[in-house]
Amino acid sequence: DACRRLRPELFVDVGAYLGLYSCVIGHHKLAPRILAL
């Protein structure tokens, strides 16, 4: 919901582990660029 509202240019996933947040945000195209650490 926050990504839909803010429309971020970059989503940073700190401690991404198996990539759940990165994959969900990417699947729904809620940020054009994702950085997973």
Full PDB file with SEQRES, HELIX, SHEET, SSBOND, CRYST1, ORIGX, SCALE, CONECT and MASTER records, all heavy atoms in Angstrom:
SEQRES   1 A   37  ASP ALA CYS ARG ARG LEU ARG PRO GLU LEU PHE VAL ASP          
SEQRES   2 A   37  VAL GLY ALA TYR LEU GLY LEU TYR SER CYS VAL ILE GLY          
SEQRES   3 A   37  HIS HIS LYS LEU ALA PRO ARG ILE LEU ALA LEU                  
HELIX    1 AA1 ALA A    2  LEU A    6  1                                   5    
HELIX    2 AA2 LEU A   20  HIS A   27  1                                   8    
SHEET    1 AA1 2 PHE A  11  ASP A  13  0                                        
SHEET    2 AA1 2 ILE A  34  ALA A  36  1                                        
CRYST1    1.000    1.000    1.000  90.00  90.00  90.00 P 1           1          
ORIGX1      1.000000  0.000000  0.000000        0.00000                         
ORIGX2      0.000000  1.000000  0.000000        0.00000                         
ORIGX3      0.000000  0.000000  1.000000        0.00000                         
SCALE1      1.000000  0.000000  0.000000        0.00000                         
SCALE2      0.000000  1.000000  0.000000        0.00000                         
SCALE3      0.000000  0.000000  1.000000        0.00000                         
ATOM      1  N   ASP A   1       0.834  -1.205   0.000  1.00  0.00           N  
ATOM      2  CA  ASP A   1       0.000   0.000   0.000  1.00  0.00           C  
ATOM      3  C   ASP A   1       0.869   1.256   0.000  1.00  0.00           C  
ATOM      4  O   ASP A   1       0.575   2.232  -0.694  1.00  0.00           O  
ATOM      5  CB  ASP A   1      -0.923   0.008   1.223  1.00  0.00           C  
ATOM      6  CG  ASP A   1      -2.038  -1.030   1.120  1.00  0.00           C  
ATOM      7  OD1 ASP A   1      -2.276  -1.531   0.009  1.00  0.00           O  
ATOM      8  OD2 ASP A   1      -2.658  -1.340   2.157  1.00  0.00           O  
ATOM      9  N   ALA A   2       1.957   1.231   0.785  1.00  0.00           N  
ATOM     10  CA  ALA A   2       2.848   2.383   0.851  1.00  0.00           C  
ATOM     11  C   ALA A   2       3.526   2.627  -0.497  1.00  0.00           C  
ATOM     12  O   ALA A   2       3.670   3.774  -0.942  1.00  0.00           O  
ATOM     13  CB  ALA A   2       3.906   2.164   1.935  1.00  0.00           C  
ATOM     14  N   CYS A   3       3.928   1.557  -1.171  1.00  0.00           N  
ATOM     15  CA  CYS A   3       4.571   1.707  -2.479  1.00  0.00           C  
ATOM     16  C   CYS A   3       3.600   2.254  -3.516  1.00  0.00           C  
ATOM     17  O   CYS A   3       3.974   3.086  -4.354  1.00  0.00           O  
ATOM     18  CB  CYS A   3       5.137   0.361  -2.939  1.00  0.00           C  
ATOM     19  SG  CYS A   3       6.634  -0.164  -2.072  1.00  0.00           S  
ATOM     20  N   ARG A   4       2.365   1.809  -3.453  1.00  0.00           N  
ATOM     21  CA  ARG A   4       1.367   2.336  -4.396  1.00  0.00           C  
ATOM     22  C   ARG A   4       1.128   3.817  -4.152  1.00  0.00           C  
ATOM     23  O   ARG A   4       0.896   4.581  -5.081  1.00  0.00           O  
ATOM     24  CB  ARG A   4       0.058   1.558  -4.250  1.00  0.00           C  
ATOM     25  CG  ARG A   4       0.128   0.114  -4.739  1.00  0.00           C  
ATOM     26  CD  ARG A   4      -1.254  -0.528  -4.769  1.00  0.00           C  
ATOM     27  NE  ARG A   4      -1.191  -1.917  -5.220  1.00  0.00           N  
ATOM     28  CZ  ARG A   4      -1.214  -2.962  -4.416  1.00  0.00           C  
ATOM     29  NH1 ARG A   4      -1.335  -2.777  -3.093  1.00  0.00           N  
ATOM     30  NH2 ARG A   4      -1.130  -4.189  -4.887  1.00  0.00           N  
ATOM     31  N   ARG A   5       1.198   4.220  -2.909  1.00  0.00           N  
ATOM     32  CA  ARG A   5       0.952   5.620  -2.554  1.00  0.00           C  
ATOM     33  C   ARG A   5       2.159   6.513  -2.846  1.00  0.00           C  
ATOM     34  O   ARG A   5       2.024   7.619  -3.375  1.00  0.00           O  
ATOM     35  CB  ARG A   5       0.571   5.718  -1.074  1.00  0.00           C  
ATOM     36  CG  ARG A   5       0.168   7.123  -0.623  1.00  0.00           C  
ATOM     37  CD  ARG A   5      -0.323   7.124   0.804  1.00  0.00           C  
ATOM     38  NE  ARG A   5       0.731   6.816   1.763  1.00  0.00           N  
ATOM     39  CZ  ARG A   5       0.881   5.660   2.392  1.00  0.00           C  
ATOM     40  NH1 ARG A   5       0.029   4.661   2.157  1.00  0.00           N  
ATOM     41  NH2 ARG A   5       1.853   5.457   3.252  1.00  0.00           N  
ATOM     42  N   LEU A   6       3.354   6.035  -2.509  1.00  0.00           N  
ATOM     43  CA  LEU A   6       4.569   6.845  -2.633  1.00  0.00           C  
ATOM     44  C   LEU A   6       5.244   6.736  -3.996  1.00  0.00           C  
ATOM     45  O   LEU A   6       6.013   7.618  -4.371  1.00  0.00           O  
ATOM     46  CB  LEU A   6       5.573   6.436  -1.547  1.00  0.00           C  
ATOM     47  CG  LEU A   6       5.117   6.651  -0.104  1.00  0.00           C  
ATOM     48  CD1 LEU A   6       6.120   6.038   0.861  1.00  0.00           C  
ATOM     49  CD2 LEU A   6       4.931   8.132   0.184  1.00  0.00           C  
ATOM     50  N   ARG A   7       5.000   5.639  -4.698  1.00  0.00           N  
ATOM     51  CA  ARG A   7       5.622   5.393  -5.992  1.00  0.00           C  
ATOM     52  C   ARG A   7       7.137   5.594  -5.926  1.00  0.00           C  
ATOM     53  O   ARG A   7       7.693   6.481  -6.578  1.00  0.00           O  
ATOM     54  CB  ARG A   7       5.007   6.293  -7.059  1.00  0.00           C  
ATOM     55  CG  ARG A   7       3.521   6.027  -7.276  1.00  0.00           C  
ATOM     56  CD  ARG A   7       2.942   6.842  -8.405  1.00  0.00           C  
ATOM     57  NE  ARG A   7       1.531   6.551  -8.614  1.00  0.00           N  
ATOM     58  CZ  ARG A   7       0.783   7.105  -9.555  1.00  0.00           C  
ATOM     59  NH1 ARG A   7       1.305   7.993 -10.384  1.00  0.00           N  
ATOM     60  NH2 ARG A   7      -0.487   6.767  -9.664  1.00  0.00           N  
ATOM     61  N   PRO A   8       7.826   4.798  -5.161  1.00  0.00           N  
ATOM     62  CA  PRO A   8       9.276   4.982  -4.977  1.00  0.00           C  
ATOM     63  C   PRO A   8      10.061   4.691  -6.253  1.00  0.00           C  
ATOM     64  O   PRO A   8       9.657   3.856  -7.080  1.00  0.00           O  
ATOM     65  CB  PRO A   8       9.615   3.962  -3.886  1.00  0.00           C  
ATOM     66  CG  PRO A   8       8.604   2.887  -4.068  1.00  0.00           C  
ATOM     67  CD  PRO A   8       7.327   3.612  -4.433  1.00  0.00           C  
ATOM     68  N   GLU A   9      11.169   5.379  -6.402  1.00  0.00           N  
ATOM     69  CA  GLU A   9      12.072   5.111  -7.514  1.00  0.00           C  
ATOM     70  C   GLU A   9      12.986   3.935  -7.186  1.00  0.00           C  
ATOM     71  O   GLU A   9      13.510   3.281  -8.091  1.00  0.00           O  
ATOM     72  CB  GLU A   9      12.915   6.349  -7.811  1.00  0.00           C  
ATOM     73  CG  GLU A   9      12.104   7.555  -8.253  1.00  0.00           C  
ATOM     74  CD  GLU A   9      12.985   8.775  -8.459  1.00  0.00           C  
ATOM     75  OE1 GLU A   9      14.095   8.623  -8.999  1.00  0.00           O  
ATOM     76  OE2 GLU A   9      12.579   9.867  -8.065  1.00  0.00           O  
ATOM     77  N   LEU A  10      13.154   3.677  -5.905  1.00  0.00           N  
ATOM     78  CA  LEU A  10      14.036   2.600  -5.475  1.00  0.00           C  
ATOM     79  C   LEU A  10      13.487   1.941  -4.218  1.00  0.00           C  
ATOM     80  O   LEU A  10      13.094   2.631  -3.277  1.00  0.00           O  
ATOM     81  CB  LEU A  10      15.441   3.154  -5.183  1.00  0.00           C  
ATOM     82  CG  LEU A  10      16.450   2.213  -4.519  1.00  0.00           C  
ATOM     83  CD1 LEU A  10      16.805   1.058  -5.448  1.00  0.00           C  
ATOM     84  CD2 LEU A  10      17.692   2.973  -4.093  1.00  0.00           C  
ATOM     85  N   PHE A  11      13.469   0.616  -4.209  1.00  0.00           N  
ATOM     86  CA  PHE A  11      13.072  -0.155  -3.030  1.00  0.00           C  
ATOM     87  C   PHE A  11      14.308  -0.893  -2.536  1.00  0.00           C  
ATOM     88  O   PHE A  11      14.949  -1.630  -3.295  1.00  0.00           O  
ATOM     89  CB  PHE A  11      11.968  -1.148  -3.386  1.00  0.00           C  
ATOM     90  CG  PHE A  11      11.495  -1.980  -2.226  1.00  0.00           C  
ATOM     91  CD1 PHE A  11      10.494  -1.514  -1.388  1.00  0.00           C  
ATOM     92  CD2 PHE A  11      12.049  -3.217  -1.959  1.00  0.00           C  
ATOM     93  CE1 PHE A  11      10.043  -2.271  -0.310  1.00  0.00           C  
ATOM     94  CE2 PHE A  11      11.612  -3.982  -0.891  1.00  0.00           C  
ATOM     95  CZ  PHE A  11      10.612  -3.506  -0.059  1.00  0.00           C  
ATOM     96  N   VAL A  12      14.664  -0.684  -1.270  1.00  0.00           N  
ATOM     97  CA  VAL A  12      15.854  -1.315  -0.698  1.00  0.00           C  
ATOM     98  C   VAL A  12      15.425  -2.358   0.323  1.00  0.00           C  
ATOM     99  O   VAL A  12      14.753  -2.038   1.300  1.00  0.00           O  
ATOM    100  CB  VAL A  12      16.783  -0.269  -0.036  1.00  0.00           C  
ATOM    101  CG1 VAL A  12      18.043  -0.948   0.493  1.00  0.00           C  
ATOM    102  CG2 VAL A  12      17.151   0.822  -1.028  1.00  0.00           C  
ATOM    103  N   ASP A  13      15.808  -3.591   0.084  1.00  0.00           N  
ATOM    104  CA  ASP A  13      15.458  -4.722   0.938  1.00  0.00           C  
ATOM    105  C   ASP A  13      16.705  -5.116   1.729  1.00  0.00           C  
ATOM    106  O   ASP A  13      17.589  -5.806   1.227  1.00  0.00           O  
ATOM    107  CB  ASP A  13      14.981  -5.875   0.056  1.00  0.00           C  
ATOM    108  CG  ASP A  13      14.317  -6.995   0.844  1.00  0.00           C  
ATOM    109  OD1 ASP A  13      14.339  -6.940   2.077  1.00  0.00           O  
ATOM    110  OD2 ASP A  13      13.778  -7.922   0.202  1.00  0.00           O  
ATOM    111  N   VAL A  14      16.784  -4.672   2.979  1.00  0.00           N  
ATOM    112  CA  VAL A  14      17.949  -4.943   3.831  1.00  0.00           C  
ATOM    113  C   VAL A  14      17.722  -6.233   4.605  1.00  0.00           C  
ATOM    114  O   VAL A  14      16.752  -6.368   5.328  1.00  0.00           O  
ATOM    115  CB  VAL A  14      18.195  -3.773   4.815  1.00  0.00           C  
ATOM    116  CG1 VAL A  14      19.374  -4.089   5.728  1.00  0.00           C  
ATOM    117  CG2 VAL A  14      18.449  -2.484   4.051  1.00  0.00           C  
ATOM    118  N   GLY A  15      18.646  -7.160   4.472  1.00  0.00           N  
ATOM    119  CA  GLY A  15      18.452  -8.479   5.067  1.00  0.00           C  
ATOM    120  C   GLY A  15      17.367  -9.205   4.298  1.00  0.00           C  
ATOM    121  O   GLY A  15      16.378  -9.669   4.851  1.00  0.00           O  
ATOM    122  N   ALA A  16      17.540  -9.307   2.975  1.00  0.00           N  
ATOM    123  CA  ALA A  16      16.476  -9.803   2.087  1.00  0.00           C  
ATOM    124  C   ALA A  16      16.132 -11.260   2.325  1.00  0.00           C  
ATOM    125  O   ALA A  16      15.044 -11.713   1.961  1.00  0.00           O  
ATOM    126  CB  ALA A  16      16.895  -9.602   0.626  1.00  0.00           C  
ATOM    127  N   TYR A  17      17.038 -12.031   2.889  1.00  0.00           N  
ATOM    128  CA  TYR A  17      16.869 -13.461   3.146  1.00  0.00           C  
ATOM    129  C   TYR A  17      16.494 -14.197   1.859  1.00  0.00           C  
ATOM    130  O   TYR A  17      17.271 -14.224   0.913  1.00  0.00           O  
ATOM    131  CB  TYR A  17      15.862 -13.687   4.265  1.00  0.00           C  
ATOM    132  CG  TYR A  17      15.775 -15.146   4.713  1.00  0.00           C  
ATOM    133  CD1 TYR A  17      16.925 -15.931   4.797  1.00  0.00           C  
ATOM    134  CD2 TYR A  17      14.559 -15.732   5.013  1.00  0.00           C  
ATOM    135  CE1 TYR A  17      16.851 -17.261   5.173  1.00  0.00           C  
ATOM    136  CE2 TYR A  17      14.481 -17.065   5.403  1.00  0.00           C  
ATOM    137  CZ  TYR A  17      15.632 -17.820   5.474  1.00  0.00           C  
ATOM    138  OH  TYR A  17      15.557 -19.137   5.835  1.00  0.00           O  
ATOM    139  N   LEU A  18      15.316 -14.781   1.767  1.00  0.00           N  
ATOM    140  CA  LEU A  18      14.961 -15.535   0.564  1.00  0.00           C  
ATOM    141  C   LEU A  18      14.358 -14.654  -0.529  1.00  0.00           C  
ATOM    142  O   LEU A  18      13.958 -15.137  -1.579  1.00  0.00           O  
ATOM    143  CB  LEU A  18      14.025 -16.697   0.900  1.00  0.00           C  
ATOM    144  CG  LEU A  18      12.743 -16.444   1.719  1.00  0.00           C  
ATOM    145  CD1 LEU A  18      11.656 -15.869   0.840  1.00  0.00           C  
ATOM    146  CD2 LEU A  18      12.277 -17.737   2.356  1.00  0.00           C  
ATOM    147  N   GLY A  19      14.288 -13.337  -0.272  1.00  0.00           N  
ATOM    148  CA  GLY A  19      13.828 -12.405  -1.287  1.00  0.00           C  
ATOM    149  C   GLY A  19      12.327 -12.204  -1.353  1.00  0.00           C  
ATOM    150  O   GLY A  19      11.802 -11.746  -2.372  1.00  0.00           O  
ATOM    151  N   LEU A  20      11.628 -12.504  -0.266  1.00  0.00           N  
ATOM    152  CA  LEU A  20      10.168 -12.400  -0.270  1.00  0.00           C  
ATOM    153  C   LEU A  20       9.706 -10.994  -0.646  1.00  0.00           C  
ATOM    154  O   LEU A  20       8.910 -10.812  -1.579  1.00  0.00           O  
ATOM    155  CB  LEU A  20       9.619 -12.788   1.100  1.00  0.00           C  
ATOM    156  CG  LEU A  20       8.123 -12.554   1.328  1.00  0.00           C  
ATOM    157  CD1 LEU A  20       7.293 -13.367   0.350  1.00  0.00           C  
ATOM    158  CD2 LEU A  20       7.733 -12.895   2.771  1.00  0.00           C  
ATOM    159  N   TYR A  21      10.173  -9.979   0.083  1.00  0.00           N  
ATOM    160  CA  TYR A  21       9.724  -8.611  -0.179  1.00  0.00           C  
ATOM    161  C   TYR A  21      10.145  -8.150  -1.571  1.00  0.00           C  
ATOM    162  O   TYR A  21       9.366  -7.538  -2.303  1.00  0.00           O  
ATOM    163  CB  TYR A  21      10.275  -7.659   0.884  1.00  0.00           C  
ATOM    164  CG  TYR A  21       9.483  -7.651   2.166  1.00  0.00           C  
ATOM    165  CD1 TYR A  21       9.614  -8.682   3.087  1.00  0.00           C  
ATOM    166  CD2 TYR A  21       8.598  -6.620   2.472  1.00  0.00           C  
ATOM    167  CE1 TYR A  21       8.884  -8.696   4.261  1.00  0.00           C  
ATOM    168  CE2 TYR A  21       7.864  -6.613   3.648  1.00  0.00           C  
ATOM    169  CZ  TYR A  21       8.011  -7.657   4.542  1.00  0.00           C  
ATOM    170  OH  TYR A  21       7.289  -7.665   5.712  1.00  0.00           O  
ATOM    171  N   SER A  22      11.378  -8.446  -1.956  1.00  0.00           N  
ATOM    172  CA  SER A  22      11.857  -8.023  -3.275  1.00  0.00           C  
ATOM    173  C   SER A  22      11.031  -8.653  -4.383  1.00  0.00           C  
ATOM    174  O   SER A  22      10.669  -7.984  -5.368  1.00  0.00           O  
ATOM    175  CB  SER A  22      13.336  -8.414  -3.442  1.00  0.00           C  
ATOM    176  OG  SER A  22      14.161  -7.683  -2.572  1.00  0.00           O  
ATOM    177  N   CYS A  23      10.723  -9.932  -4.250  1.00  0.00           N  
ATOM    178  CA  CYS A  23       9.966 -10.630  -5.284  1.00  0.00           C  
ATOM    179  C   CYS A  23       8.517 -10.165  -5.346  1.00  0.00           C  
ATOM    180  O   CYS A  23       7.933 -10.039  -6.431  1.00  0.00           O  
ATOM    181  CB  CYS A  23      10.031 -12.141  -5.059  1.00  0.00           C  
ATOM    182  SG  CYS A  23      11.673 -12.850  -5.383  1.00  0.00           S  
ATOM    183  N   VAL A  24       7.918  -9.897  -4.188  1.00  0.00           N  
ATOM    184  CA  VAL A  24       6.527  -9.420  -4.173  1.00  0.00           C  
ATOM    185  C   VAL A  24       6.444  -8.016  -4.779  1.00  0.00           C  
ATOM    186  O   VAL A  24       5.582  -7.740  -5.633  1.00  0.00           O  
ATOM    187  CB  VAL A  24       5.962  -9.427  -2.736  1.00  0.00           C  
ATOM    188  CG1 VAL A  24       4.622  -8.680  -2.678  1.00  0.00           C  
ATOM    189  CG2 VAL A  24       5.775 -10.862  -2.247  1.00  0.00           C  
ATOM    190  N   ILE A  25       7.343  -7.132  -4.354  1.00  0.00           N  
ATOM    191  CA  ILE A  25       7.343  -5.762  -4.899  1.00  0.00           C  
ATOM    192  C   ILE A  25       7.638  -5.791  -6.389  1.00  0.00           C  
ATOM    193  O   ILE A  25       7.017  -5.086  -7.182  1.00  0.00           O  
ATOM    194  CB  ILE A  25       8.383  -4.896  -4.157  1.00  0.00           C  
ATOM    195  CG1 ILE A  25       8.005  -4.748  -2.679  1.00  0.00           C  
ATOM    196  CG2 ILE A  25       8.499  -3.517  -4.814  1.00  0.00           C  
ATOM    197  CD1 ILE A  25       6.675  -4.097  -2.417  1.00  0.00           C  
ATOM    198  N   GLY A  26       8.591  -6.638  -6.794  1.00  0.00           N  
ATOM    199  CA  GLY A  26       8.929  -6.738  -8.209  1.00  0.00           C  
ATOM    200  C   GLY A  26       7.811  -7.343  -9.031  1.00  0.00           C  
ATOM    201  O   GLY A  26       7.528  -6.884 -10.151  1.00  0.00           O  
ATOM    202  N   HIS A  27       7.163  -8.371  -8.503  1.00  0.00           N  
ATOM    203  CA  HIS A  27       6.070  -9.027  -9.227  1.00  0.00           C  
ATOM    204  C   HIS A  27       4.944  -8.047  -9.531  1.00  0.00           C  
ATOM    205  O   HIS A  27       4.360  -8.083 -10.623  1.00  0.00           O  
ATOM    206  CB  HIS A  27       5.538 -10.192  -8.402  1.00  0.00           C  
ATOM    207  CG  HIS A  27       4.299 -10.823  -8.968  1.00  0.00           C  
ATOM    208  ND1 HIS A  27       4.323 -11.686 -10.051  1.00  0.00           N  
ATOM    209  CD2 HIS A  27       2.985 -10.706  -8.598  1.00  0.00           C  
ATOM    210  CE1 HIS A  27       3.097 -12.077 -10.329  1.00  0.00           C  
ATOM    211  NE2 HIS A  27       2.265 -11.499  -9.465  1.00  0.00           N  
ATOM    212  N   HIS A  28       4.643  -7.174  -8.579  1.00  0.00           N  
ATOM    213  CA  HIS A  28       3.563  -6.209  -8.759  1.00  0.00           C  
ATOM    214  C   HIS A  28       4.043  -4.895  -9.385  1.00  0.00           C  
ATOM    215  O   HIS A  28       3.255  -3.956  -9.509  1.00  0.00           O  
ATOM    216  CB  HIS A  28       2.877  -5.933  -7.415  1.00  0.00           C  
ATOM    217  CG  HIS A  28       2.105  -7.110  -6.896  1.00  0.00           C  
ATOM    218  ND1 HIS A  28       0.825  -7.401  -7.314  1.00  0.00           N  
ATOM    219  CD2 HIS A  28       2.443  -8.080  -6.006  1.00  0.00           C  
ATOM    220  CE1 HIS A  28       0.393  -8.500  -6.702  1.00  0.00           C  
ATOM    221  NE2 HIS A  28       1.351  -8.934  -5.902  1.00  0.00           N  
ATOM    222  N   LYS A  29       5.347  -4.847  -9.727  1.00  0.00           N  
ATOM    223  CA  LYS A  29       5.922  -3.664 -10.389  1.00  0.00           C  
ATOM    224  C   LYS A  29       5.643  -2.382  -9.606  1.00  0.00           C  
ATOM    225  O   LYS A  29       5.215  -1.363 -10.165  1.00  0.00           O  
ATOM    226  CB  LYS A  29       5.395  -3.552 -11.822  1.00  0.00           C  
ATOM    227  CG  LYS A  29       5.813  -4.723 -12.717  1.00  0.00           C  
ATOM    228  CD  LYS A  29       5.247  -4.576 -14.120  1.00  0.00           C  
ATOM    229  CE  LYS A  29       5.812  -5.635 -15.052  1.00  0.00           C  
ATOM    230  NZ  LYS A  29       5.595  -7.037 -14.588  1.00  0.00           N  
ATOM    231  N   LEU A  30       5.904  -2.452  -8.304  1.00  0.00           N  
ATOM    232  CA  LEU A  30       5.655  -1.309  -7.437  1.00  0.00           C  
ATOM    233  C   LEU A  30       6.871  -0.397  -7.295  1.00  0.00           C  
ATOM    234  O   LEU A  30       6.789   0.640  -6.636  1.00  0.00           O  
ATOM    235  CB  LEU A  30       5.207  -1.809  -6.051  1.00  0.00           C  
ATOM    236  CG  LEU A  30       3.882  -2.584  -6.047  1.00  0.00           C  
ATOM    237  CD1 LEU A  30       3.571  -3.112  -4.657  1.00  0.00           C  
ATOM    238  CD2 LEU A  30       2.749  -1.698  -6.557  1.00  0.00           C  
ATOM    239  N   ALA A  31       7.984  -0.777  -7.883  1.00  0.00           N  
ATOM    240  CA  ALA A  31       9.187   0.062  -7.898  1.00  0.00           C  
ATOM    241  C   ALA A  31       9.989  -0.332  -9.134  1.00  0.00           C  
ATOM    242  O   ALA A  31      10.123  -1.525  -9.430  1.00  0.00           O  
ATOM    243  CB  ALA A  31      10.017  -0.143  -6.642  1.00  0.00           C  
ATOM    244  N   PRO A  32      10.527   0.642  -9.868  1.00  0.00           N  
ATOM    245  CA  PRO A  32      11.272   0.308 -11.082  1.00  0.00           C  
ATOM    246  C   PRO A  32      12.638  -0.313 -10.808  1.00  0.00           C  
ATOM    247  O   PRO A  32      13.203  -0.993 -11.653  1.00  0.00           O  
ATOM    248  CB  PRO A  32      11.416   1.662 -11.785  1.00  0.00           C  
ATOM    249  CG  PRO A  32      11.364   2.661 -10.670  1.00  0.00           C  
ATOM    250  CD  PRO A  32      10.395   2.088  -9.672  1.00  0.00           C  
ATOM    251  N   ARG A  33      13.158  -0.078  -9.605  1.00  0.00           N  
ATOM    252  CA  ARG A  33      14.483  -0.596  -9.251  1.00  0.00           C  
ATOM    253  C   ARG A  33      14.449  -1.133  -7.829  1.00  0.00           C  
ATOM    254  O   ARG A  33      13.910  -0.484  -6.919  1.00  0.00           O  
ATOM    255  CB  ARG A  33      15.538   0.512  -9.365  1.00  0.00           C  
ATOM    256  CG  ARG A  33      16.943   0.071  -9.027  1.00  0.00           C  
ATOM    257  CD  ARG A  33      17.885   1.262  -9.037  1.00  0.00           C  
ATOM    258  NE  ARG A  33      19.177   0.923  -8.467  1.00  0.00           N  
ATOM    259  CZ  ARG A  33      20.033   1.822  -7.953  1.00  0.00           C  
ATOM    260  NH1 ARG A  33      19.708   3.106  -7.949  1.00  0.00           N  
ATOM    261  NH2 ARG A  33      21.182   1.437  -7.450  1.00  0.00           N  
ATOM    262  N   ILE A  34      14.991  -2.329  -7.626  1.00  0.00           N  
ATOM    263  CA  ILE A  34      15.008  -2.964  -6.310  1.00  0.00           C  
ATOM    264  C   ILE A  34      16.439  -3.374  -5.978  1.00  0.00           C  
ATOM    265  O   ILE A  34      17.118  -3.997  -6.804  1.00  0.00           O  
ATOM    266  CB  ILE A  34      14.088  -4.200  -6.280  1.00  0.00           C  
ATOM    267  CG1 ILE A  34      12.638  -3.783  -6.566  1.00  0.00           C  
ATOM    268  CG2 ILE A  34      14.177  -4.921  -4.934  1.00  0.00           C  
ATOM    269  CD1 ILE A  34      11.693  -4.957  -6.763  1.00  0.00           C  
ATOM    270  N   LEU A  35      16.877  -3.040  -4.784  1.00  0.00           N  
ATOM    271  CA  LEU A  35      18.207  -3.395  -4.308  1.00  0.00           C  
ATOM    272  C   LEU A  35      18.048  -4.336  -3.122  1.00  0.00           C  
ATOM    273  O   LEU A  35      17.508  -3.950  -2.089  1.00  0.00           O  
ATOM    274  CB  LEU A  35      18.968  -2.130  -3.891  1.00  0.00           C  
ATOM    275  CG  LEU A  35      20.426  -2.277  -3.461  1.00  0.00           C  
ATOM    276  CD1 LEU A  35      21.272  -2.873  -4.581  1.00  0.00           C  
ATOM    277  CD2 LEU A  35      20.984  -0.921  -3.043  1.00  0.00           C  
ATOM    278  N   ALA A  36      18.484  -5.588  -3.278  1.00  0.00           N  
ATOM    279  CA  ALA A  36      18.331  -6.600  -2.229  1.00  0.00           C  
ATOM    280  C   ALA A  36      19.697  -6.944  -1.646  1.00  0.00           C  
ATOM    281  O   ALA A  36      20.583  -7.410  -2.360  1.00  0.00           O  
ATOM    282  CB  ALA A  36      17.674  -7.855  -2.804  1.00  0.00           C  
ATOM    283  N   LEU A  37      19.855  -6.702  -0.339  1.00  0.00           N  
ATOM    284  CA  LEU A  37      21.126  -6.953   0.342  1.00  0.00           C  
ATOM    285  C   LEU A  37      20.991  -8.144   1.280  1.00  0.00           C  
ATOM    286  O   LEU A  37      20.097  -8.182   2.124  1.00  0.00           O  
ATOM    287  CB  LEU A  37      21.553  -5.722   1.151  1.00  0.00           C  
ATOM    288  CG  LEU A  37      21.546  -4.376   0.418  1.00  0.00           C  
ATOM    289  CD1 LEU A  37      22.039  -3.284   1.357  1.00  0.00           C  
ATOM    290  CD2 LEU A  37      22.376  -4.432  -0.844  1.00  0.00           C  
TER     291      LEU A  37                                                      
MASTER        0    0    0    2    2    0    0    6  290    1    0    3          
END                                                                             
